[in-house]
Amino acid sequence: MAMGFLALSVFLYLGLSLDHSSPSSASAASSENVEITYGSVLKLMHERTKFRLHSHDVPYGSGSGQQSVTGFPNVDDANSYWIVRPVPGTSAKQGDTITSGTIIRFQHMKTRKWMHSHLHASPISGNLEVSCFGGENESDTGDYWRLMIEGSGNTWKQNQRIRLQHIDTGGYLHSHDKKYQRIAGGQQEVCGVREKRADNVWLAAEGIYLPVTESK
């Protein structure tokens, strides 16, 4: 357990200090069936396009004007790391596993803002905008996402196909091959759509996965 927290501390320090992080040096889990726990730092990969869920301190030029969320083509960018957090008021703690149907939050590691959605239109497709909002002590229900595991298994594991459904709007976290030309050239749009589609599916890829807390 101590080694796991040490590795996470070093990783967070490096990730917050550098613009780029090698996936080989930043990955503590490289095989399937590693259980994902609260406090883990990971990248979410869009199944169809293989782009990573990404954010950076660049606001949308329309809609909410909040920090933009995109799909990034390369694996070696520290702006694609997210910390898995429980929602406030639950008994969940760091190191607990996460089951299908659980409502969770994703905190962007570099900017400390929360992955968020609302009824503003997304810039390219006009679907539900997905942004980053708030901070360490500022979060609301617009940051809540329901984990939905596809296929067999009830506990979230690395490389398992998942969907994330936004609680307030009902939209599924979605991406497609529609790309930005200006604010994030070459990056693809991430948005929410209210229907289940093939482009709603994501997988946990590179990251630091905290060990499961042992029951006492």
N, C-alpha and C. Protein backbone atom coordinates (compact mmCIF):
# COMPACT_ATOMS: atom_id res chain seq x y z
N MET A 1 0.83 -1.21 0.00
CA MET A 1 0.00 0.00 0.00
C MET A 1 0.86 1.26 0.00
N ALA A 2 1.92 1.27 0.85
CA ALA A 2 2.78 2.45 0.94
C ALA A 2 3.45 2.74 -0.40
N MET A 3 3.88 1.67 -1.10
CA MET A 3 4.51 1.87 -2.40
C MET A 3 3.54 2.44 -3.41
N GLY A 4 2.28 2.03 -3.32
CA GLY A 4 1.28 2.56 -4.24
C GLY A 4 1.09 4.04 -4.07
N PHE A 5 1.00 4.50 -2.83
CA PHE A 5 0.82 5.92 -2.57
C PHE A 5 2.07 6.70 -2.95
N LEU A 6 3.27 6.11 -2.73
CA LEU A 6 4.51 6.78 -3.13
C LEU A 6 4.56 6.96 -4.63
N ALA A 7 4.19 5.91 -5.36
CA ALA A 7 4.19 6.01 -6.83
C ALA A 7 3.21 7.07 -7.30
N LEU A 8 2.04 7.14 -6.67
CA LEU A 8 1.05 8.14 -7.06
C LEU A 8 1.57 9.54 -6.78
N SER A 9 2.22 9.74 -5.63
CA SER A 9 2.73 11.06 -5.26
C SER A 9 3.77 11.53 -6.26
N VAL A 10 4.69 10.64 -6.63
CA VAL A 10 5.71 10.99 -7.60
C VAL A 10 5.08 11.31 -8.95
N PHE A 11 4.10 10.48 -9.33
CA PHE A 11 3.43 10.69 -10.62
C PHE A 11 2.70 12.02 -10.66
N LEU A 12 1.97 12.36 -9.60
CA LEU A 12 1.25 13.63 -9.55
C LEU A 12 2.21 14.79 -9.65
N TYR A 13 3.34 14.68 -8.94
CA TYR A 13 4.33 15.76 -8.98
C TYR A 13 4.84 15.96 -10.39
N LEU A 14 5.22 14.85 -11.04
CA LEU A 14 5.74 14.95 -12.40
C LEU A 14 4.67 15.43 -13.36
N GLY A 15 3.46 14.92 -13.20
CA GLY A 15 2.38 15.28 -14.12
C GLY A 15 2.02 16.74 -14.03
N LEU A 16 2.07 17.31 -12.81
CA LEU A 16 1.73 18.71 -12.63
C LEU A 16 2.88 19.62 -13.03
N SER A 17 4.10 19.08 -13.16
CA SER A 17 5.27 19.89 -13.44
C SER A 17 5.65 19.87 -14.91
N LEU A 18 5.25 18.82 -15.63
CA LEU A 18 5.69 18.65 -17.00
C LEU A 18 4.52 18.72 -17.95
N ASP A 19 4.80 19.14 -19.19
CA ASP A 19 3.76 19.18 -20.20
C ASP A 19 3.53 17.81 -20.83
N HIS A 20 4.55 16.96 -20.78
CA HIS A 20 4.42 15.64 -21.41
C HIS A 20 4.91 14.58 -20.44
N SER A 21 4.27 13.41 -20.48
CA SER A 21 4.66 12.32 -19.60
C SER A 21 4.70 11.03 -20.39
N SER A 22 5.77 10.30 -20.29
CA SER A 22 5.91 9.05 -21.03
C SER A 22 4.92 8.03 -20.53
N PRO A 23 4.15 7.38 -21.42
CA PRO A 23 3.18 6.40 -20.96
C PRO A 23 3.84 5.22 -20.28
N SER A 24 5.08 4.89 -20.67
CA SER A 24 5.74 3.75 -20.05
C SER A 24 6.14 4.06 -18.62
N SER A 25 6.61 5.30 -18.35
CA SER A 25 7.04 5.64 -17.01
C SER A 25 5.86 6.02 -16.12
N ALA A 26 4.76 6.42 -16.73
CA ALA A 26 3.62 6.87 -15.94
C ALA A 26 2.59 5.79 -15.71
N SER A 27 2.81 4.61 -16.24
CA SER A 27 1.82 3.55 -16.12
C SER A 27 2.22 2.54 -15.06
N ALA A 28 1.38 2.41 -14.05
CA ALA A 28 1.63 1.42 -13.01
C ALA A 28 0.86 0.14 -13.29
N ALA A 29 -0.02 0.18 -14.28
CA ALA A 29 -0.82 -1.00 -14.61
C ALA A 29 -0.81 -1.15 -16.12
N SER A 30 -0.36 -2.29 -16.62
CA SER A 30 -0.25 -2.48 -18.06
C SER A 30 -0.97 -3.73 -18.53
N SER A 31 -1.70 -4.38 -17.65
CA SER A 31 -2.40 -5.59 -18.04
C SER A 31 -3.90 -5.43 -17.78
N GLU A 32 -4.68 -6.33 -18.36
CA GLU A 32 -6.12 -6.27 -18.17
C GLU A 32 -6.49 -6.78 -16.78
N ASN A 33 -7.73 -6.50 -16.40
CA ASN A 33 -8.33 -6.99 -15.16
C ASN A 33 -7.79 -6.32 -13.90
N VAL A 34 -7.07 -5.19 -14.04
CA VAL A 34 -6.69 -4.41 -12.88
C VAL A 34 -7.92 -3.62 -12.43
N GLU A 35 -8.30 -3.75 -11.19
CA GLU A 35 -9.49 -3.06 -10.69
C GLU A 35 -9.21 -1.57 -10.51
N ILE A 36 -10.16 -0.75 -10.91
CA ILE A 36 -10.04 0.70 -10.79
C ILE A 36 -10.67 1.13 -9.48
N THR A 37 -9.94 1.96 -8.74
CA THR A 37 -10.39 2.39 -7.42
C THR A 37 -10.45 3.91 -7.36
N TYR A 38 -11.18 4.42 -6.36
CA TYR A 38 -11.20 5.87 -6.13
C TYR A 38 -9.79 6.36 -5.82
N GLY A 39 -9.42 7.49 -6.41
CA GLY A 39 -8.09 8.04 -6.25
C GLY A 39 -7.16 7.67 -7.37
N SER A 40 -7.55 6.69 -8.21
CA SER A 40 -6.71 6.32 -9.34
C SER A 40 -6.65 7.46 -10.34
N VAL A 41 -5.50 7.57 -11.02
CA VAL A 41 -5.28 8.60 -12.04
C VAL A 41 -5.16 7.87 -13.37
N LEU A 42 -6.03 8.21 -14.32
CA LEU A 42 -6.07 7.41 -15.55
C LEU A 42 -6.41 8.25 -16.76
N LYS A 43 -6.22 7.61 -17.91
CA LYS A 43 -6.68 8.18 -19.17
C LYS A 43 -7.85 7.34 -19.67
N LEU A 44 -8.87 8.01 -20.18
CA LEU A 44 -10.00 7.32 -20.79
C LEU A 44 -9.83 7.36 -22.30
N MET A 45 -9.85 6.20 -22.92
CA MET A 45 -9.66 6.08 -24.36
C MET A 45 -11.00 5.81 -25.05
N HIS A 46 -11.29 6.61 -26.05
CA HIS A 46 -12.48 6.41 -26.87
C HIS A 46 -12.28 5.16 -27.71
N GLU A 47 -13.19 4.19 -27.57
CA GLU A 47 -12.95 2.88 -28.17
C GLU A 47 -12.76 2.94 -29.68
N ARG A 48 -13.62 3.65 -30.37
CA ARG A 48 -13.59 3.59 -31.83
C ARG A 48 -12.41 4.35 -32.43
N THR A 49 -12.14 5.57 -31.91
CA THR A 49 -11.10 6.40 -32.53
C THR A 49 -9.75 6.30 -31.84
N LYS A 50 -9.73 5.75 -30.62
CA LYS A 50 -8.50 5.61 -29.81
C LYS A 50 -7.98 6.95 -29.30
N PHE A 51 -8.73 8.03 -29.44
CA PHE A 51 -8.33 9.32 -28.87
C PHE A 51 -8.55 9.28 -27.36
N ARG A 52 -7.73 10.04 -26.62
CA ARG A 52 -7.86 10.11 -25.16
C ARG A 52 -8.69 11.34 -24.75
N LEU A 53 -9.52 11.16 -23.72
CA LEU A 53 -10.29 12.27 -23.17
C LEU A 53 -9.30 13.29 -22.60
N HIS A 54 -9.49 14.55 -22.94
CA HIS A 54 -8.44 15.55 -22.75
C HIS A 54 -9.05 16.89 -22.34
N SER A 55 -8.32 17.68 -21.59
CA SER A 55 -8.73 19.05 -21.33
C SER A 55 -7.49 19.90 -21.15
N HIS A 56 -7.66 21.20 -21.23
CA HIS A 56 -6.56 22.15 -21.09
C HIS A 56 -7.17 23.51 -20.77
N ASP A 57 -6.39 24.44 -20.36
CA ASP A 57 -6.90 25.74 -19.91
C ASP A 57 -7.22 26.64 -21.10
N VAL A 58 -8.11 26.14 -21.95
CA VAL A 58 -8.58 26.89 -23.12
C VAL A 58 -10.10 26.87 -23.09
N PRO A 59 -10.76 28.03 -23.01
CA PRO A 59 -12.23 28.05 -22.93
C PRO A 59 -12.88 27.85 -24.29
N TYR A 60 -14.12 27.37 -24.26
CA TYR A 60 -14.92 27.34 -25.48
C TYR A 60 -15.19 28.77 -25.92
N GLY A 61 -15.25 28.97 -27.22
CA GLY A 61 -15.59 30.28 -27.76
C GLY A 61 -17.08 30.48 -27.92
N SER A 62 -17.86 29.48 -27.53
CA SER A 62 -19.33 29.57 -27.61
C SER A 62 -19.90 28.83 -26.41
N GLY A 63 -21.21 28.72 -26.35
CA GLY A 63 -21.85 27.97 -25.27
C GLY A 63 -21.55 28.55 -23.91
N SER A 64 -21.07 27.71 -22.98
CA SER A 64 -20.83 28.13 -21.61
C SER A 64 -19.59 28.99 -21.46
N GLY A 65 -18.63 28.88 -22.39
CA GLY A 65 -17.37 29.58 -22.24
C GLY A 65 -16.46 28.94 -21.20
N GLN A 66 -16.85 27.76 -20.70
CA GLN A 66 -16.03 27.07 -19.70
C GLN A 66 -14.85 26.35 -20.37
N GLN A 67 -14.00 25.77 -19.55
CA GLN A 67 -12.81 25.07 -20.06
C GLN A 67 -13.21 23.93 -20.97
N SER A 68 -12.57 23.86 -22.12
CA SER A 68 -12.96 22.88 -23.14
C SER A 68 -12.48 21.47 -22.80
N VAL A 69 -13.23 20.48 -23.28
CA VAL A 69 -12.88 19.06 -23.19
C VAL A 69 -12.88 18.51 -24.61
N THR A 70 -11.83 17.79 -24.98
CA THR A 70 -11.68 17.30 -26.34
C THR A 70 -11.18 15.86 -26.34
N GLY A 71 -11.02 15.30 -27.52
CA GLY A 71 -10.33 14.03 -27.70
C GLY A 71 -8.96 14.32 -28.29
N PHE A 72 -7.91 13.73 -27.67
CA PHE A 72 -6.53 14.03 -28.07
C PHE A 72 -5.92 12.81 -28.75
N PRO A 73 -5.21 13.01 -29.87
CA PRO A 73 -4.76 11.85 -30.66
C PRO A 73 -3.57 11.10 -30.09
N ASN A 74 -2.74 11.74 -29.27
CA ASN A 74 -1.50 11.11 -28.79
C ASN A 74 -1.67 10.60 -27.37
N VAL A 75 -0.89 9.58 -27.01
CA VAL A 75 -1.02 9.00 -25.67
C VAL A 75 -0.13 9.69 -24.65
N ASP A 76 0.82 10.53 -25.09
CA ASP A 76 1.86 11.01 -24.19
C ASP A 76 1.66 12.46 -23.76
N ASP A 77 0.44 12.84 -23.44
CA ASP A 77 0.16 14.20 -23.00
C ASP A 77 -0.45 14.18 -21.61
N ALA A 78 0.15 14.93 -20.68
CA ALA A 78 -0.29 14.93 -19.28
C ALA A 78 -1.66 15.57 -19.10
N ASN A 79 -2.13 16.33 -20.09
CA ASN A 79 -3.45 16.94 -19.98
C ASN A 79 -4.59 15.95 -20.20
N SER A 80 -4.26 14.69 -20.41
CA SER A 80 -5.29 13.66 -20.60
C SER A 80 -5.49 12.81 -19.35
N TYR A 81 -4.90 13.19 -18.22
CA TYR A 81 -5.06 12.42 -16.99
C TYR A 81 -6.21 12.96 -16.15
N TRP A 82 -6.99 12.01 -15.60
CA TRP A 82 -8.16 12.33 -14.77
C TRP A 82 -8.10 11.52 -13.47
N ILE A 83 -8.52 12.13 -12.37
CA ILE A 83 -8.57 11.45 -11.09
C ILE A 83 -10.01 11.00 -10.84
N VAL A 84 -10.20 9.74 -10.50
CA VAL A 84 -11.54 9.21 -10.24
C VAL A 84 -11.92 9.53 -8.80
N ARG A 85 -13.03 10.23 -8.61
CA ARG A 85 -13.47 10.67 -7.28
C ARG A 85 -14.91 10.21 -7.00
N PRO A 86 -15.25 9.97 -5.74
CA PRO A 86 -16.66 9.73 -5.40
C PRO A 86 -17.42 11.04 -5.35
N VAL A 87 -18.73 10.96 -5.31
CA VAL A 87 -19.52 12.17 -5.12
C VAL A 87 -19.56 12.48 -3.62
N PRO A 88 -19.75 13.74 -3.26
CA PRO A 88 -19.81 14.09 -1.84
C PRO A 88 -20.96 13.39 -1.13
N GLY A 89 -20.77 13.15 0.16
CA GLY A 89 -21.84 12.60 0.98
C GLY A 89 -21.95 11.09 0.95
N THR A 90 -21.01 10.42 0.28
CA THR A 90 -21.03 8.96 0.28
C THR A 90 -19.96 8.43 1.24
N SER A 91 -20.02 7.15 1.53
CA SER A 91 -19.04 6.53 2.41
C SER A 91 -17.81 6.04 1.66
N ALA A 92 -17.81 6.22 0.33
CA ALA A 92 -16.70 5.73 -0.49
C ALA A 92 -15.41 6.45 -0.11
N LYS A 93 -14.31 5.71 -0.15
CA LYS A 93 -13.01 6.28 0.20
C LYS A 93 -11.96 5.82 -0.80
N GLN A 94 -10.81 6.48 -0.75
CA GLN A 94 -9.71 6.15 -1.65
C GLN A 94 -9.33 4.68 -1.51
N GLY A 95 -9.20 4.02 -2.65
CA GLY A 95 -8.87 2.60 -2.66
C GLY A 95 -10.06 1.68 -2.78
N ASP A 96 -11.28 2.21 -2.67
CA ASP A 96 -12.48 1.38 -2.85
C ASP A 96 -12.71 1.10 -4.33
N THR A 97 -13.18 -0.10 -4.64
CA THR A 97 -13.53 -0.43 -6.01
C THR A 97 -14.86 0.24 -6.38
N ILE A 98 -15.16 0.24 -7.68
CA ILE A 98 -16.33 0.96 -8.19
C ILE A 98 -17.17 0.00 -9.03
N THR A 99 -18.44 -0.10 -8.70
CA THR A 99 -19.31 -1.04 -9.40
C THR A 99 -20.19 -0.33 -10.42
N SER A 100 -20.68 -1.11 -11.36
CA SER A 100 -21.57 -0.58 -12.40
C SER A 100 -22.80 0.05 -11.76
N GLY A 101 -23.19 1.21 -12.26
CA GLY A 101 -24.33 1.93 -11.72
C GLY A 101 -23.96 3.01 -10.72
N THR A 102 -22.70 3.03 -10.28
CA THR A 102 -22.25 4.01 -9.30
C THR A 102 -22.10 5.38 -9.95
N ILE A 103 -22.47 6.43 -9.21
CA ILE A 103 -22.30 7.80 -9.67
C ILE A 103 -20.93 8.29 -9.19
N ILE A 104 -20.12 8.77 -10.11
CA ILE A 104 -18.75 9.18 -9.80
C ILE A 104 -18.45 10.55 -10.43
N ARG A 105 -17.27 11.06 -10.13
CA ARG A 105 -16.80 12.30 -10.73
C ARG A 105 -15.39 12.09 -11.29
N PHE A 106 -15.03 12.94 -12.25
CA PHE A 106 -13.69 12.92 -12.83
C PHE A 106 -13.06 14.30 -12.68
N GLN A 107 -11.94 14.37 -11.98
CA GLN A 107 -11.24 15.63 -11.78
C GLN A 107 -10.02 15.69 -12.70
N HIS A 108 -9.96 16.75 -13.49
CA HIS A 108 -8.83 16.92 -14.40
C HIS A 108 -7.57 17.18 -13.58
N MET A 109 -6.54 16.36 -13.80
CA MET A 109 -5.38 16.41 -12.92
C MET A 109 -4.62 17.73 -12.99
N LYS A 110 -4.45 18.28 -14.17
CA LYS A 110 -3.64 19.49 -14.31
C LYS A 110 -4.34 20.75 -13.82
N THR A 111 -5.63 20.89 -14.15
CA THR A 111 -6.34 22.13 -13.81
C THR A 111 -7.20 22.01 -12.57
N ARG A 112 -7.42 20.77 -12.08
CA ARG A 112 -8.20 20.47 -10.88
C ARG A 112 -9.69 20.74 -11.05
N LYS A 113 -10.15 20.97 -12.27
CA LYS A 113 -11.57 21.17 -12.52
C LYS A 113 -12.25 19.84 -12.79
N TRP A 114 -13.59 19.84 -12.73
CA TRP A 114 -14.39 18.61 -12.85
C TRP A 114 -14.98 18.49 -14.25
N MET A 115 -14.99 17.27 -14.78
CA MET A 115 -15.69 17.05 -16.04
C MET A 115 -17.17 17.27 -15.82
N HIS A 116 -17.77 18.08 -16.68
CA HIS A 116 -19.08 18.68 -16.42
C HIS A 116 -19.90 18.64 -17.72
N SER A 117 -21.20 18.67 -17.59
CA SER A 117 -22.04 18.83 -18.77
C SER A 117 -23.31 19.58 -18.39
N HIS A 118 -24.01 20.05 -19.40
CA HIS A 118 -25.21 20.88 -19.21
C HIS A 118 -25.94 20.97 -20.55
N LEU A 119 -26.88 21.88 -20.66
CA LEU A 119 -27.71 21.96 -21.86
C LEU A 119 -27.15 22.88 -22.95
N HIS A 120 -26.02 23.51 -22.71
CA HIS A 120 -25.39 24.30 -23.78
C HIS A 120 -25.05 23.38 -24.95
N ALA A 121 -25.11 23.92 -26.15
CA ALA A 121 -24.83 23.13 -27.35
C ALA A 121 -23.32 23.00 -27.55
N SER A 122 -22.89 21.81 -27.95
CA SER A 122 -21.47 21.60 -28.24
C SER A 122 -21.10 22.34 -29.54
N PRO A 123 -19.85 22.78 -29.65
CA PRO A 123 -19.48 23.70 -30.75
C PRO A 123 -19.63 23.15 -32.16
N ILE A 124 -19.34 21.87 -32.39
CA ILE A 124 -19.34 21.35 -33.76
C ILE A 124 -20.66 20.68 -34.12
N SER A 125 -21.11 19.76 -33.30
CA SER A 125 -22.28 18.95 -33.65
C SER A 125 -23.59 19.48 -33.08
N GLY A 126 -23.53 20.40 -32.13
CA GLY A 126 -24.76 20.92 -31.52
C GLY A 126 -25.38 19.97 -30.51
N ASN A 127 -24.64 18.96 -30.10
CA ASN A 127 -25.11 18.07 -29.02
C ASN A 127 -24.89 18.73 -27.68
N LEU A 128 -24.91 17.98 -26.59
CA LEU A 128 -24.71 18.54 -25.25
C LEU A 128 -23.23 18.84 -25.03
N GLU A 129 -22.95 20.06 -24.62
CA GLU A 129 -21.56 20.44 -24.38
C GLU A 129 -21.00 19.70 -23.16
N VAL A 130 -19.75 19.27 -23.25
CA VAL A 130 -19.00 18.72 -22.12
C VAL A 130 -17.83 19.65 -21.86
N SER A 131 -17.69 20.08 -20.61
CA SER A 131 -16.68 21.07 -20.25
C SER A 131 -15.98 20.65 -18.98
N CYS A 132 -15.07 21.51 -18.50
CA CYS A 132 -14.51 21.37 -17.16
C CYS A 132 -14.91 22.60 -16.37
N PHE A 133 -15.27 22.38 -15.10
CA PHE A 133 -15.89 23.44 -14.30
C PHE A 133 -15.47 23.29 -12.84
N GLY A 134 -15.46 24.42 -12.12
CA GLY A 134 -15.29 24.39 -10.67
C GLY A 134 -13.85 24.23 -10.23
N GLY A 135 -13.66 23.56 -9.10
CA GLY A 135 -12.34 23.39 -8.52
C GLY A 135 -12.43 22.49 -7.30
N GLU A 136 -11.35 22.45 -6.53
CA GLU A 136 -11.27 21.55 -5.37
C GLU A 136 -12.50 21.64 -4.47
N ASN A 137 -12.95 22.87 -4.19
CA ASN A 137 -14.06 23.07 -3.27
C ASN A 137 -15.31 23.59 -3.97
N GLU A 138 -15.37 23.41 -5.27
CA GLU A 138 -16.53 23.87 -6.05
C GLU A 138 -16.95 22.79 -7.01
N SER A 139 -18.05 22.11 -6.69
CA SER A 139 -18.56 21.02 -7.52
C SER A 139 -20.07 20.94 -7.34
N ASP A 140 -20.77 20.58 -8.40
CA ASP A 140 -22.22 20.42 -8.29
C ASP A 140 -22.66 19.18 -9.07
N THR A 141 -23.97 18.99 -9.16
CA THR A 141 -24.48 17.76 -9.79
C THR A 141 -24.19 17.71 -11.29
N GLY A 142 -23.81 18.83 -11.88
CA GLY A 142 -23.39 18.83 -13.28
C GLY A 142 -22.09 18.08 -13.50
N ASP A 143 -21.43 17.69 -12.38
CA ASP A 143 -20.18 16.93 -12.46
C ASP A 143 -20.40 15.44 -12.23
N TYR A 144 -21.65 15.01 -12.12
CA TYR A 144 -21.95 13.62 -11.75
C TYR A 144 -22.19 12.76 -12.99
N TRP A 145 -21.52 11.59 -13.02
CA TRP A 145 -21.62 10.65 -14.14
C TRP A 145 -21.87 9.25 -13.60
N ARG A 146 -22.79 8.54 -14.23
CA ARG A 146 -23.07 7.16 -13.82
C ARG A 146 -22.23 6.19 -14.66
N LEU A 147 -21.46 5.35 -13.97
CA LEU A 147 -20.65 4.34 -14.63
C LEU A 147 -21.55 3.19 -15.07
N MET A 148 -21.48 2.82 -16.34
CA MET A 148 -22.25 1.72 -16.88
C MET A 148 -21.31 0.76 -17.59
N ILE A 149 -21.09 -0.41 -17.00
CA ILE A 149 -20.18 -1.40 -17.58
C ILE A 149 -20.90 -2.17 -18.68
N GLU A 150 -20.25 -2.29 -19.82
CA GLU A 150 -20.79 -3.05 -20.94
C GLU A 150 -20.29 -4.49 -20.86
N GLY A 151 -21.16 -5.44 -21.06
CA GLY A 151 -20.76 -6.84 -21.03
C GLY A 151 -20.77 -7.41 -19.63
N SER A 152 -20.00 -8.46 -19.41
CA SER A 152 -20.00 -9.15 -18.12
C SER A 152 -19.15 -8.41 -17.10
N GLY A 153 -19.41 -8.71 -15.83
CA GLY A 153 -18.64 -8.10 -14.75
C GLY A 153 -19.38 -6.92 -14.16
N ASN A 154 -19.25 -6.75 -12.86
CA ASN A 154 -19.94 -5.67 -12.16
C ASN A 154 -18.99 -4.66 -11.54
N THR A 155 -17.69 -5.00 -11.49
CA THR A 155 -16.69 -4.11 -10.92
C THR A 155 -15.81 -3.56 -12.02
N TRP A 156 -15.58 -2.25 -12.03
CA TRP A 156 -14.84 -1.58 -13.10
C TRP A 156 -13.38 -2.02 -13.10
N LYS A 157 -12.91 -2.44 -14.27
CA LYS A 157 -11.52 -2.87 -14.45
C LYS A 157 -10.92 -2.19 -15.67
N GLN A 158 -9.60 -2.14 -15.68
CA GLN A 158 -8.89 -1.56 -16.81
C GLN A 158 -9.23 -2.33 -18.08
N ASN A 159 -9.33 -1.57 -19.19
CA ASN A 159 -9.61 -2.11 -20.52
C ASN A 159 -11.01 -2.71 -20.64
N GLN A 160 -11.90 -2.42 -19.67
CA GLN A 160 -13.28 -2.88 -19.75
C GLN A 160 -14.12 -1.82 -20.45
N ARG A 161 -15.00 -2.23 -21.32
CA ARG A 161 -15.83 -1.29 -22.08
C ARG A 161 -16.88 -0.67 -21.15
N ILE A 162 -16.94 0.66 -21.14
CA ILE A 162 -17.88 1.36 -20.27
C ILE A 162 -18.58 2.48 -21.04
N ARG A 163 -19.71 2.90 -20.48
CA ARG A 163 -20.34 4.16 -20.87
C ARG A 163 -20.44 5.02 -19.62
N LEU A 164 -20.45 6.33 -19.81
CA LEU A 164 -20.64 7.28 -18.72
C LEU A 164 -21.84 8.14 -19.04
N GLN A 165 -22.90 8.02 -18.21
CA GLN A 165 -24.12 8.77 -18.45
C GLN A 165 -24.22 9.94 -17.48
N HIS A 166 -24.37 11.13 -18.02
CA HIS A 166 -24.46 12.34 -17.21
C HIS A 166 -25.79 12.37 -16.46
N ILE A 167 -25.73 12.64 -15.17
CA ILE A 167 -26.93 12.55 -14.33
C ILE A 167 -27.94 13.64 -14.66
N ASP A 168 -27.51 14.88 -14.78
CA ASP A 168 -28.45 15.99 -14.98
C ASP A 168 -29.13 15.97 -16.34
N THR A 169 -28.40 15.62 -17.38
CA THR A 169 -28.95 15.72 -18.74
C THR A 169 -29.34 14.37 -19.34
N GLY A 170 -28.83 13.28 -18.79
CA GLY A 170 -29.08 11.97 -19.37
C GLY A 170 -28.19 11.64 -20.56
N GLY A 171 -27.29 12.57 -20.92
CA GLY A 171 -26.44 12.34 -22.08
C GLY A 171 -25.29 11.40 -21.78
N TYR A 172 -24.91 10.61 -22.78
CA TYR A 172 -23.76 9.71 -22.67
C TYR A 172 -22.51 10.44 -23.17
N LEU A 173 -21.39 10.27 -22.46
CA LEU A 173 -20.13 10.84 -22.92
C LEU A 173 -19.80 10.25 -24.29
N HIS A 174 -19.53 11.11 -25.25
CA HIS A 174 -19.52 10.73 -26.66
C HIS A 174 -18.38 11.44 -27.37
N SER A 175 -17.83 10.80 -28.38
CA SER A 175 -16.92 11.49 -29.28
C SER A 175 -17.09 10.90 -30.67
N HIS A 176 -16.47 11.56 -31.63
CA HIS A 176 -16.58 11.14 -33.03
C HIS A 176 -15.42 11.77 -33.79
N ASP A 177 -15.34 11.54 -35.08
CA ASP A 177 -14.17 12.01 -35.82
C ASP A 177 -14.33 13.44 -36.35
N LYS A 178 -15.26 14.20 -35.79
CA LYS A 178 -15.39 15.61 -36.15
C LYS A 178 -14.34 16.40 -35.36
N LYS A 179 -13.45 17.09 -36.06
CA LYS A 179 -12.29 17.71 -35.42
C LYS A 179 -12.35 19.24 -35.46
N TYR A 180 -11.73 19.83 -34.44
CA TYR A 180 -11.62 21.30 -34.37
C TYR A 180 -10.55 21.78 -35.33
N GLN A 181 -10.77 22.97 -35.86
CA GLN A 181 -9.79 23.59 -36.75
C GLN A 181 -9.05 24.73 -36.05
N ARG A 182 -9.67 25.34 -35.02
CA ARG A 182 -9.09 26.55 -34.46
C ARG A 182 -8.65 26.38 -33.01
N ILE A 183 -9.59 26.28 -32.05
CA ILE A 183 -9.20 26.33 -30.63
C ILE A 183 -8.36 25.13 -30.21
N ALA A 184 -8.51 24.03 -30.91
CA ALA A 184 -7.75 22.83 -30.57
C ALA A 184 -7.55 22.03 -31.85
N GLY A 185 -6.79 22.59 -32.76
CA GLY A 185 -6.61 22.00 -34.08
C GLY A 185 -6.17 20.54 -34.04
N GLY A 186 -6.91 19.70 -34.75
CA GLY A 186 -6.59 18.28 -34.81
C GLY A 186 -7.20 17.44 -33.71
N GLN A 187 -7.73 18.10 -32.68
CA GLN A 187 -8.41 17.37 -31.60
C GLN A 187 -9.88 17.22 -31.97
N GLN A 188 -10.50 16.15 -31.49
CA GLN A 188 -11.88 15.90 -31.90
C GLN A 188 -12.86 16.30 -30.81
N GLU A 189 -14.08 16.56 -31.23
CA GLU A 189 -15.12 17.00 -30.30
C GLU A 189 -15.50 15.89 -29.33
N VAL A 190 -15.67 16.26 -28.08
CA VAL A 190 -16.30 15.41 -27.06
C VAL A 190 -17.58 16.11 -26.65
N CYS A 191 -18.66 15.36 -26.57
CA CYS A 191 -19.97 15.95 -26.27
C CYS A 191 -20.81 14.91 -25.55
N GLY A 192 -22.06 15.23 -25.31
CA GLY A 192 -23.01 14.28 -24.76
C GLY A 192 -24.14 14.05 -25.73
N VAL A 193 -24.58 12.79 -25.85
CA VAL A 193 -25.76 12.48 -26.65
C VAL A 193 -26.68 11.60 -25.81
N ARG A 194 -27.97 11.72 -26.03
CA ARG A 194 -28.93 11.03 -25.16
C ARG A 194 -29.24 9.61 -25.61
N GLU A 195 -28.68 9.17 -26.72
CA GLU A 195 -28.92 7.81 -27.19
C GLU A 195 -27.65 6.98 -27.01
N LYS A 196 -27.85 5.67 -26.75
CA LYS A 196 -26.71 4.76 -26.75
C LYS A 196 -26.24 4.54 -28.18
N ARG A 197 -24.97 4.80 -28.42
CA ARG A 197 -24.39 4.61 -29.74
C ARG A 197 -23.03 3.93 -29.60
N ALA A 198 -22.50 3.45 -30.70
CA ALA A 198 -21.17 2.83 -30.67
C ALA A 198 -20.11 3.84 -30.24
N ASP A 199 -20.34 5.11 -30.51
CA ASP A 199 -19.36 6.15 -30.17
C ASP A 199 -19.47 6.63 -28.72
N ASN A 200 -20.28 5.98 -27.89
CA ASN A 200 -20.36 6.30 -26.47
C ASN A 200 -19.42 5.45 -25.62
N VAL A 201 -18.67 4.55 -26.21
CA VAL A 201 -17.93 3.55 -25.43
C VAL A 201 -16.49 3.99 -25.19
N TRP A 202 -16.05 3.83 -23.93
CA TRP A 202 -14.71 4.24 -23.50
C TRP A 202 -14.05 3.10 -22.72
N LEU A 203 -12.73 3.18 -22.60
CA LEU A 203 -11.97 2.22 -21.81
C LEU A 203 -10.92 2.96 -20.97
N ALA A 204 -10.67 2.48 -19.76
CA ALA A 204 -9.58 3.02 -18.96
C ALA A 204 -8.27 2.48 -19.52
N ALA A 205 -7.36 3.38 -19.86
CA ALA A 205 -6.10 2.97 -20.49
C ALA A 205 -4.92 3.21 -19.54
N GLU A 206 -4.00 4.09 -19.92
CA GLU A 206 -2.80 4.32 -19.11
C GLU A 206 -3.18 4.98 -17.77
N GLY A 207 -2.38 4.72 -16.74
CA GLY A 207 -2.65 5.39 -15.48
C GLY A 207 -1.94 4.79 -14.30
N ILE A 208 -2.15 5.42 -13.15
CA ILE A 208 -1.70 4.91 -11.86
C ILE A 208 -2.95 4.40 -11.14
N TYR A 209 -3.03 3.11 -10.95
CA TYR A 209 -4.20 2.50 -10.34
C TYR A 209 -3.88 2.14 -8.89
N LEU A 210 -4.54 2.84 -7.96
CA LEU A 210 -4.28 2.58 -6.55
C LEU A 210 -4.75 1.18 -6.17
N PRO A 211 -4.01 0.50 -5.29
CA PRO A 211 -4.43 -0.84 -4.88
C PRO A 211 -5.74 -0.81 -4.13
N VAL A 212 -6.47 -1.92 -4.21
CA VAL A 212 -7.75 -2.03 -3.53
C VAL A 212 -7.54 -2.00 -2.02
N THR A 213 -8.34 -1.21 -1.33
CA THR A 213 -8.28 -1.16 0.13
C THR A 213 -8.74 -2.47 0.70
N GLU A 214 -7.95 -3.05 1.57
CA GLU A 214 -8.31 -4.34 2.17
C GLU A 214 -9.38 -4.15 3.24
N SER A 215 -10.41 -5.00 3.21
CA SER A 215 -11.47 -4.93 4.21
C SER A 215 -10.95 -5.41 5.56
N LYS A 216 -11.34 -4.70 6.60
CA LYS A 216 -10.93 -5.08 7.95
C LYS A 216 -12.02 -5.86 8.67
